[in-house]
Amino acid sequence: VFTGWFYLTPIVYPIESVPPRSLPWIQVNPLTALVGLYRQALLGAAPTGGTGVLVAAAAVLLSAGFWLFSRLKPAFVDEI
């Protein structure tokens, strides 16, 4: 799984070199936006506009974490 995820993330290749038929699969990957932002910051690459995707993913994960914590909070005392 991790090997496939590595190749679906444009780490060692620029996103511009991805064929158009494979581009939707690359863009669904949440790490694509993060790698694009690192390329922009470190290599001076063109802006990717992936900040919104990362903020949305972080908000969803934060909400899910708070929901899960509040649901399992009574059981924490038994486990500790």
PDB file of N, CA and C in Angstrom:
ATOM      1  N   VAL A   1       0.826  -1.180   0.000  1.00  0.00           N
ATOM      2  CA  VAL A   1       0.000   0.000   0.000  1.00  0.00           C
ATOM      3  C   VAL A   1       0.878   1.255   0.000  1.00  0.00           C
ATOM      4  N   PHE A   2       1.923   1.254   0.844  1.00  0.00           N
ATOM      5  CA  PHE A   2       2.772   2.434   0.929  1.00  0.00           C
ATOM      6  C   PHE A   2       3.582   2.647  -0.341  1.00  0.00           C
ATOM      7  N   THR A   3       3.969   1.562  -0.998  1.00  0.00           N
ATOM      8  CA  THR A   3       4.700   1.696  -2.259  1.00  0.00           C
ATOM      9  C   THR A   3       3.812   2.328  -3.318  1.00  0.00           C
ATOM     10  N   GLY A   4       2.582   1.890  -3.401  1.00  0.00           N
ATOM     11  CA  GLY A   4       1.647   2.493  -4.351  1.00  0.00           C
ATOM     12  C   GLY A   4       1.369   3.947  -4.034  1.00  0.00           C
ATOM     13  N   TRP A   5       1.222   4.249  -2.741  1.00  0.00           N
ATOM     14  CA  TRP A   5       0.974   5.626  -2.321  1.00  0.00           C
ATOM     15  C   TRP A   5       2.180   6.504  -2.654  1.00  0.00           C
ATOM     16  N   PHE A   6       3.385   5.957  -2.521  1.00  0.00           N
ATOM     17  CA  PHE A   6       4.587   6.714  -2.860  1.00  0.00           C
ATOM     18  C   PHE A   6       4.575   7.105  -4.331  1.00  0.00           C
ATOM     19  N   TYR A   7       4.220   6.167  -5.198  1.00  0.00           N
ATOM     20  CA  TYR A   7       4.219   6.468  -6.629  1.00  0.00           C
ATOM     21  C   TYR A   7       3.039   7.334  -7.047  1.00  0.00           C
ATOM     22  N   LEU A   8       1.976   7.387  -6.258  1.00  0.00           N
ATOM     23  CA  LEU A   8       0.853   8.275  -6.545  1.00  0.00           C
ATOM     24  C   LEU A   8       1.063   9.677  -5.987  1.00  0.00           C
ATOM     25  N   THR A   9       2.176   9.889  -5.294  1.00  0.00           N
ATOM     26  CA  THR A   9       2.515  11.203  -4.753  1.00  0.00           C
ATOM     27  C   THR A   9       3.668  11.765  -5.574  1.00  0.00           C
ATOM     28  N   PRO A  10       3.508  12.948  -6.150  1.00  0.00           N
ATOM     29  CA  PRO A  10       4.571  13.495  -7.007  1.00  0.00           C
ATOM     30  C   PRO A  10       5.753  14.026  -6.198  1.00  0.00           C
ATOM     31  N   ILE A  11       6.535  13.090  -5.662  1.00  0.00           N
ATOM     32  CA  ILE A  11       7.704  13.461  -4.873  1.00  0.00           C
ATOM     33  C   ILE A  11       8.937  13.545  -5.771  1.00  0.00           C
ATOM     34  N   VAL A  12       9.184  12.515  -6.525  1.00  0.00           N
ATOM     35  CA  VAL A  12      10.395  12.458  -7.354  1.00  0.00           C
ATOM     36  C   VAL A  12      10.138  12.903  -8.790  1.00  0.00           C
ATOM     37  N   TYR A  13       8.921  13.260  -9.103  1.00  0.00           N
ATOM     38  CA  TYR A  13       8.592  13.742 -10.447  1.00  0.00           C
ATOM     39  C   TYR A  13       7.644  14.934 -10.328  1.00  0.00           C
ATOM     40  N   PRO A  14       7.731  15.874 -11.252  1.00  0.00           N
ATOM     41  CA  PRO A  14       6.804  17.023 -11.207  1.00  0.00           C
ATOM     42  C   PRO A  14       5.415  16.614 -11.679  1.00  0.00           C
ATOM     43  N   ILE A  15       4.404  17.270 -11.151  1.00  0.00           N
ATOM     44  CA  ILE A  15       3.022  16.931 -11.500  1.00  0.00           C
ATOM     45  C   ILE A  15       2.733  17.247 -12.973  1.00  0.00           C
ATOM     46  N   GLU A  16       3.510  18.133 -13.550  1.00  0.00           N
ATOM     47  CA  GLU A  16       3.317  18.470 -14.966  1.00  0.00           C
ATOM     48  C   GLU A  16       3.658  17.307 -15.882  1.00  0.00           C
ATOM     49  N   SER A  17       4.458  16.344 -15.411  1.00  0.00           N
ATOM     50  CA  SER A  17       4.840  15.214 -16.244  1.00  0.00           C
ATOM     51  C   SER A  17       3.836  14.061 -16.190  1.00  0.00           C
ATOM     52  N   VAL A  18       2.782  14.193 -15.406  1.00  0.00           N
ATOM     53  CA  VAL A  18       1.768  13.143 -15.270  1.00  0.00           C
ATOM     54  C   VAL A  18       0.849  13.183 -16.494  1.00  0.00           C
ATOM     55  N   PRO A  19       0.581  12.022 -17.108  1.00  0.00           N
ATOM     56  CA  PRO A  19      -0.346  11.995 -18.241  1.00  0.00           C
ATOM     57  C   PRO A  19      -1.752  12.434 -17.821  1.00  0.00           C
ATOM     58  N   PRO A  20      -2.491  13.069 -18.719  1.00  0.00           N
ATOM     59  CA  PRO A  20      -3.830  13.572 -18.364  1.00  0.00           C
ATOM     60  C   PRO A  20      -4.793  12.498 -17.857  1.00  0.00           C
ATOM     61  N   ARG A  21      -4.683  11.275 -18.325  1.00  0.00           N
ATOM     62  CA  ARG A  21      -5.613  10.232 -17.871  1.00  0.00           C
ATOM     63  C   ARG A  21      -5.305   9.765 -16.452  1.00  0.00           C
ATOM     64  N   SER A  22      -4.090   9.972 -15.980  1.00  0.00           N
ATOM     65  CA  SER A  22      -3.711   9.585 -14.622  1.00  0.00           C
ATOM     66  C   SER A  22      -3.804  10.741 -13.638  1.00  0.00           C
ATOM     67  N   LEU A  23      -3.970  11.939 -14.126  1.00  0.00           N
ATOM     68  CA  LEU A  23      -3.976  13.123 -13.274  1.00  0.00           C
ATOM     69  C   LEU A  23      -5.072  13.117 -12.205  1.00  0.00           C
ATOM     70  N   PRO A  24      -6.305  12.656 -12.483  1.00  0.00           N
ATOM     71  CA  PRO A  24      -7.321  12.623 -11.408  1.00  0.00           C
ATOM     72  C   PRO A  24      -6.908  11.758 -10.221  1.00  0.00           C
ATOM     73  N   TRP A  25      -6.220  10.654 -10.462  1.00  0.00           N
ATOM     74  CA  TRP A  25      -5.778   9.785  -9.362  1.00  0.00           C
ATOM     75  C   TRP A  25      -4.707  10.473  -8.528  1.00  0.00           C
ATOM     76  N   ILE A  26      -3.860  11.239  -9.173  1.00  0.00           N
ATOM     77  CA  ILE A  26      -2.805  11.952  -8.456  1.00  0.00           C
ATOM     78  C   ILE A  26      -3.408  13.092  -7.631  1.00  0.00           C
ATOM     79  N   GLN A  27      -4.386  13.779  -8.183  1.00  0.00           N
ATOM     80  CA  GLN A  27      -4.971  14.932  -7.497  1.00  0.00           C
ATOM     81  C   GLN A  27      -5.857  14.535  -6.317  1.00  0.00           C
ATOM     82  N   VAL A  28      -6.351  13.315  -6.274  1.00  0.00           N
ATOM     83  CA  VAL A  28      -7.160  12.843  -5.146  1.00  0.00           C
ATOM     84  C   VAL A  28      -6.288  12.619  -3.914  1.00  0.00           C
ATOM     85  N   ASN A  29      -5.028  12.341  -4.119  1.00  0.00           N
ATOM     86  CA  ASN A  29      -4.098  12.076  -3.030  1.00  0.00           C
ATOM     87  C   ASN A  29      -3.892  13.345  -2.198  1.00  0.00           C
ATOM     88  N   PRO A  30      -4.164  13.307  -0.895  1.00  0.00           N
ATOM     89  CA  PRO A  30      -3.996  14.521  -0.079  1.00  0.00           C
ATOM     90  C   PRO A  30      -2.545  14.962   0.056  1.00  0.00           C
ATOM     91  N   LEU A  31      -1.598  14.066  -0.135  1.00  0.00           N
ATOM     92  CA  LEU A  31      -0.191  14.447  -0.036  1.00  0.00           C
ATOM     93  C   LEU A  31       0.297  15.218  -1.254  1.00  0.00           C
ATOM     94  N   THR A  32      -0.441  15.172  -2.351  1.00  0.00           N
ATOM     95  CA  THR A  32      -0.042  15.908  -3.539  1.00  0.00           C
ATOM     96  C   THR A  32       0.002  17.404  -3.258  1.00  0.00           C
ATOM     97  N   ALA A  33      -0.985  17.917  -2.567  1.00  0.00           N
ATOM     98  CA  ALA A  33      -0.996  19.346  -2.240  1.00  0.00           C
ATOM     99  C   ALA A  33       0.148  19.696  -1.298  1.00  0.00           C
ATOM    100  N   LEU A  34       0.410  18.842  -0.334  1.00  0.00           N
ATOM    101  CA  LEU A  34       1.488  19.097   0.617  1.00  0.00           C
ATOM    102  C   LEU A  34       2.846  19.108  -0.081  1.00  0.00           C
ATOM    103  N   VAL A  35       3.076  18.146  -0.949  1.00  0.00           N
ATOM    104  CA  VAL A  35       4.336  18.094  -1.691  1.00  0.00           C
ATOM    105  C   VAL A  35       4.460  19.307  -2.606  1.00  0.00           C
ATOM    106  N   GLY A  36       3.353  19.727  -3.197  1.00  0.00           N
ATOM    107  CA  GLY A  36       3.374  20.917  -4.042  1.00  0.00           C
ATOM    108  C   GLY A  36       3.749  22.168  -3.267  1.00  0.00           C
ATOM    109  N   LEU A  37       3.249  22.277  -2.041  1.00  0.00           N
ATOM    110  CA  LEU A  37       3.599  23.422  -1.208  1.00  0.00           C
ATOM    111  C   LEU A  37       5.072  23.382  -0.794  1.00  0.00           C
ATOM    112  N   TYR A  38       5.598  22.194  -0.511  1.00  0.00           N
ATOM    113  CA  TYR A  38       7.020  22.083  -0.205  1.00  0.00           C
ATOM    114  C   TYR A  38       7.872  22.436  -1.423  1.00  0.00           C
ATOM    115  N   ARG A  39       7.453  21.983  -2.598  1.00  0.00           N
ATOM    116  CA  ARG A  39       8.185  22.343  -3.824  1.00  0.00           C
ATOM    117  C   ARG A  39       8.184  23.854  -4.016  1.00  0.00           C
ATOM    118  N   GLN A  40       7.055  24.467  -3.763  1.00  0.00           N
ATOM    119  CA  GLN A  40       6.937  25.912  -3.923  1.00  0.00           C
ATOM    120  C   GLN A  40       7.861  26.633  -2.945  1.00  0.00           C
ATOM    121  N   ALA A  41       7.905  26.173  -1.705  1.00  0.00           N
ATOM    122  CA  ALA A  41       8.709  26.841  -0.683  1.00  0.00           C
ATOM    123  C   ALA A  41      10.204  26.596  -0.868  1.00  0.00           C
ATOM    124  N   LEU A  42      10.582  25.369  -1.200  1.00  0.00           N
ATOM    125  CA  LEU A  42      11.998  25.025  -1.242  1.00  0.00           C
ATOM    126  C   LEU A  42      12.642  25.202  -2.611  1.00  0.00           C
ATOM    127  N   LEU A  43      11.899  24.948  -3.667  1.00  0.00           N
ATOM    128  CA  LEU A  43      12.480  24.983  -5.006  1.00  0.00           C
ATOM    129  C   LEU A  43      12.037  26.179  -5.822  1.00  0.00           C
ATOM    130  N   GLY A  44      11.126  26.965  -5.298  1.00  0.00           N
ATOM    131  CA  GLY A  44      10.643  28.111  -6.044  1.00  0.00           C
ATOM    132  C   GLY A  44       9.752  27.723  -7.212  1.00  0.00           C
ATOM    133  N   ALA A  45       9.052  26.608  -7.067  1.00  0.00           N
ATOM    134  CA  ALA A  45       8.159  26.139  -8.131  1.00  0.00           C
ATOM    135  C   ALA A  45       6.910  27.014  -8.190  1.00  0.00           C
ATOM    136  N   ALA A  46       6.145  26.832  -9.232  1.00  0.00           N
ATOM    137  CA  ALA A  46       4.905  27.593  -9.407  1.00  0.00           C
ATOM    138  C   ALA A  46       3.907  27.216  -8.313  1.00  0.00           C
ATOM    139  N   PRO A  47       3.102  28.174  -7.833  1.00  0.00           N
ATOM    140  CA  PRO A  47       2.109  27.874  -6.793  1.00  0.00           C
ATOM    141  C   PRO A  47       1.111  26.827  -7.260  1.00  0.00           C
ATOM    142  N   THR A  48       0.759  25.924  -6.359  1.00  0.00           N
ATOM    143  CA  THR A  48      -0.162  24.841  -6.709  1.00  0.00           C
ATOM    144  C   THR A  48      -1.574  25.107  -6.240  1.00  0.00           C
ATOM    145  N   GLY A  49      -1.752  25.967  -5.261  1.00  0.00           N
ATOM    146  CA  GLY A  49      -3.091  26.248  -4.755  1.00  0.00           C
ATOM    147  C   GLY A  49      -3.663  25.128  -3.927  1.00  0.00           C
ATOM    148  N   GLY A  50      -2.828  24.312  -3.306  1.00  0.00           N
ATOM    149  CA  GLY A  50      -3.297  23.172  -2.539  1.00  0.00           C
ATOM    150  C   GLY A  50      -3.568  23.454  -1.081  1.00  0.00           C
ATOM    151  N   THR A  51      -3.464  24.691  -0.672  1.00  0.00           N
ATOM    152  CA  THR A  51      -3.660  25.023   0.734  1.00  0.00           C
ATOM    153  C   THR A  51      -5.083  24.742   1.182  1.00  0.00           C
ATOM    154  N   GLY A  52      -6.052  25.027   0.359  1.00  0.00           N
ATOM    155  CA  GLY A  52      -7.453  24.780   0.711  1.00  0.00           C
ATOM    156  C   GLY A  52      -7.741  23.315   0.945  1.00  0.00           C
ATOM    157  N   VAL A  53      -7.143  22.462   0.153  1.00  0.00           N
ATOM    158  CA  VAL A  53      -7.337  21.021   0.306  1.00  0.00           C
ATOM    159  C   VAL A  53      -6.770  20.567   1.645  1.00  0.00           C
ATOM    160  N   LEU A  54      -5.582  21.064   1.984  1.00  0.00           N
ATOM    161  CA  LEU A  54      -4.975  20.669   3.252  1.00  0.00           C
ATOM    162  C   LEU A  54      -5.767  21.190   4.445  1.00  0.00           C
ATOM    163  N   VAL A  55      -6.281  22.400   4.354  1.00  0.00           N
ATOM    164  CA  VAL A  55      -7.088  22.956   5.445  1.00  0.00           C
ATOM    165  C   VAL A  55      -8.377  22.156   5.608  1.00  0.00           C
ATOM    166  N   ALA A  56      -8.999  21.788   4.507  1.00  0.00           N
ATOM    167  CA  ALA A  56     -10.233  20.996   4.575  1.00  0.00           C
ATOM    168  C   ALA A  56      -9.962  19.614   5.170  1.00  0.00           C
ATOM    169  N   ALA A  57      -8.880  18.969   4.747  1.00  0.00           N
ATOM    170  CA  ALA A  57      -8.540  17.650   5.285  1.00  0.00           C
ATOM    171  C   ALA A  57      -8.223  17.745   6.773  1.00  0.00           C
ATOM    172  N   ALA A  58      -7.506  18.790   7.184  1.00  0.00           N
ATOM    173  CA  ALA A  58      -7.189  18.966   8.598  1.00  0.00           C
ATOM    174  C   ALA A  58      -8.449  19.216   9.417  1.00  0.00           C
ATOM    175  N   ALA A  59      -9.392  20.000   8.886  1.00  0.00           N
ATOM    176  CA  ALA A  59     -10.633  20.273   9.600  1.00  0.00           C
ATOM    177  C   ALA A  59     -11.458  19.004   9.774  1.00  0.00           C
ATOM    178  N   VAL A  60     -11.519  18.176   8.742  1.00  0.00           N
ATOM    179  CA  VAL A  60     -12.268  16.920   8.830  1.00  0.00           C
ATOM    180  C   VAL A  60     -11.630  15.998   9.862  1.00  0.00           C
ATOM    181  N   LEU A  61     -10.306  15.874   9.814  1.00  0.00           N
ATOM    182  CA  LEU A  61      -9.629  14.994  10.761  1.00  0.00           C
ATOM    183  C   LEU A  61      -9.725  15.522  12.199  1.00  0.00           C
ATOM    184  N   LEU A  62      -9.652  16.827  12.369  1.00  0.00           N
ATOM    185  CA  LEU A  62      -9.798  17.408  13.701  1.00  0.00           C
ATOM    186  C   LEU A  62     -11.200  17.160  14.254  1.00  0.00           C
ATOM    187  N   SER A  63     -12.210  17.347  13.416  1.00  0.00           N
ATOM    188  CA  SER A  63     -13.592  17.101  13.841  1.00  0.00           C
ATOM    189  C   SER A  63     -13.802  15.633  14.195  1.00  0.00           C
ATOM    190  N   ALA A  64     -13.270  14.747  13.379  1.00  0.00           N
ATOM    191  CA  ALA A  64     -13.404  13.318  13.657  1.00  0.00           C
ATOM    192  C   ALA A  64     -12.684  12.951  14.946  1.00  0.00           C
ATOM    193  N   GLY A  65     -11.531  13.548  15.198  1.00  0.00           N
ATOM    194  CA  GLY A  65     -10.796  13.285  16.434  1.00  0.00           C
ATOM    195  C   GLY A  65     -11.539  13.760  17.663  1.00  0.00           C
ATOM    196  N   PHE A  66     -12.100  14.969  17.600  1.00  0.00           N
ATOM    197  CA  PHE A  66     -12.889  15.472  18.735  1.00  0.00           C
ATOM    198  C   PHE A  66     -14.124  14.614  18.976  1.00  0.00           C
ATOM    199  N   TRP A  67     -14.782  14.195  17.913  1.00  0.00           N
ATOM    200  CA  TRP A  67     -15.972  13.356  18.054  1.00  0.00           C
ATOM    201  C   TRP A  67     -15.603  12.014  18.692  1.00  0.00           C
ATOM    202  N   LEU A  68     -14.520  11.406  18.212  1.00  0.00           N
ATOM    203  CA  LEU A  68     -14.099  10.116  18.746  1.00  0.00           C
ATOM    204  C   LEU A  68     -13.667  10.242  20.202  1.00  0.00           C
ATOM    205  N   PHE A  69     -12.946  11.308  20.528  1.00  0.00           N
ATOM    206  CA  PHE A  69     -12.523  11.519  21.907  1.00  0.00           C
ATOM    207  C   PHE A  69     -13.714  11.688  22.835  1.00  0.00           C
ATOM    208  N   SER A  70     -14.683  12.511  22.429  1.00  0.00           N
ATOM    209  CA  SER A  70     -15.845  12.727  23.291  1.00  0.00           C
ATOM    210  C   SER A  70     -16.674  11.455  23.446  1.00  0.00           C
ATOM    211  N   ARG A  71     -16.670  10.617  22.444  1.00  0.00           N
ATOM    212  CA  ARG A  71     -17.420   9.368  22.515  1.00  0.00           C
ATOM    213  C   ARG A  71     -16.734   8.344  23.416  1.00  0.00           C
ATOM    214  N   LEU A  72     -15.406   8.305  23.380  1.00  0.00           N
ATOM    215  CA  LEU A  72     -14.662   7.306  24.150  1.00  0.00           C
ATOM    216  C   LEU A  72     -14.138   7.834  25.484  1.00  0.00           C
ATOM    217  N   LYS A  73     -14.440   9.066  25.806  1.00  0.00           N
ATOM    218  CA  LYS A  73     -13.930   9.697  27.021  1.00  0.00           C
ATOM    219  C   LYS A  73     -14.258   8.926  28.299  1.00  0.00           C
ATOM    220  N   PRO A  74     -15.469   8.414  28.487  1.00  0.00           N
ATOM    221  CA  PRO A  74     -15.769   7.668  29.727  1.00  0.00           C
ATOM    222  C   PRO A  74     -14.928   6.395  29.880  1.00  0.00           C
ATOM    223  N   ALA A  75     -14.510   5.793  28.803  1.00  0.00           N
ATOM    224  CA  ALA A  75     -13.751   4.538  28.876  1.00  0.00           C
ATOM    225  C   ALA A  75     -12.271   4.769  29.158  1.00  0.00           C
ATOM    226  N   PHE A  76     -11.788   6.014  29.052  1.00  0.00           N
ATOM    227  CA  PHE A  76     -10.375   6.277  29.276  1.00  0.00           C
ATOM    228  C   PHE A  76      -9.971   5.977  30.724  1.00  0.00           C
ATOM    229  N   VAL A  77     -10.836   6.234  31.666  1.00  0.00           N
ATOM    230  CA  VAL A  77     -10.508   5.986  33.069  1.00  0.00           C
ATOM    231  C   VAL A  77     -10.301   4.501  33.303  1.00  0.00           C
ATOM    232  N   ASP A  78     -11.085   3.657  32.660  1.00  0.00           N
ATOM    233  CA  ASP A  78     -10.949   2.221  32.816  1.00  0.00           C
ATOM    234  C   ASP A  78      -9.650   1.714  32.208  1.00  0.00           C
ATOM    235  N   GLU A  79      -9.198   2.344  31.152  1.00  0.00           N
ATOM    236  CA  GLU A  79      -8.004   1.889  30.456  1.00  0.00           C
ATOM    237  C   GLU A  79      -6.726   2.334  31.151  1.00  0.00           C
ATOM    238  N   ILE A  80      -6.770   3.480  31.802  1.00  0.00           N
ATOM    239  CA  ILE A  80      -5.554   4.005  32.452  1.00  0.00           C
ATOM    240  C   ILE A  80      -5.485   3.435  33.809  1.00  0.00           C
TER     241      ILE A  80
END
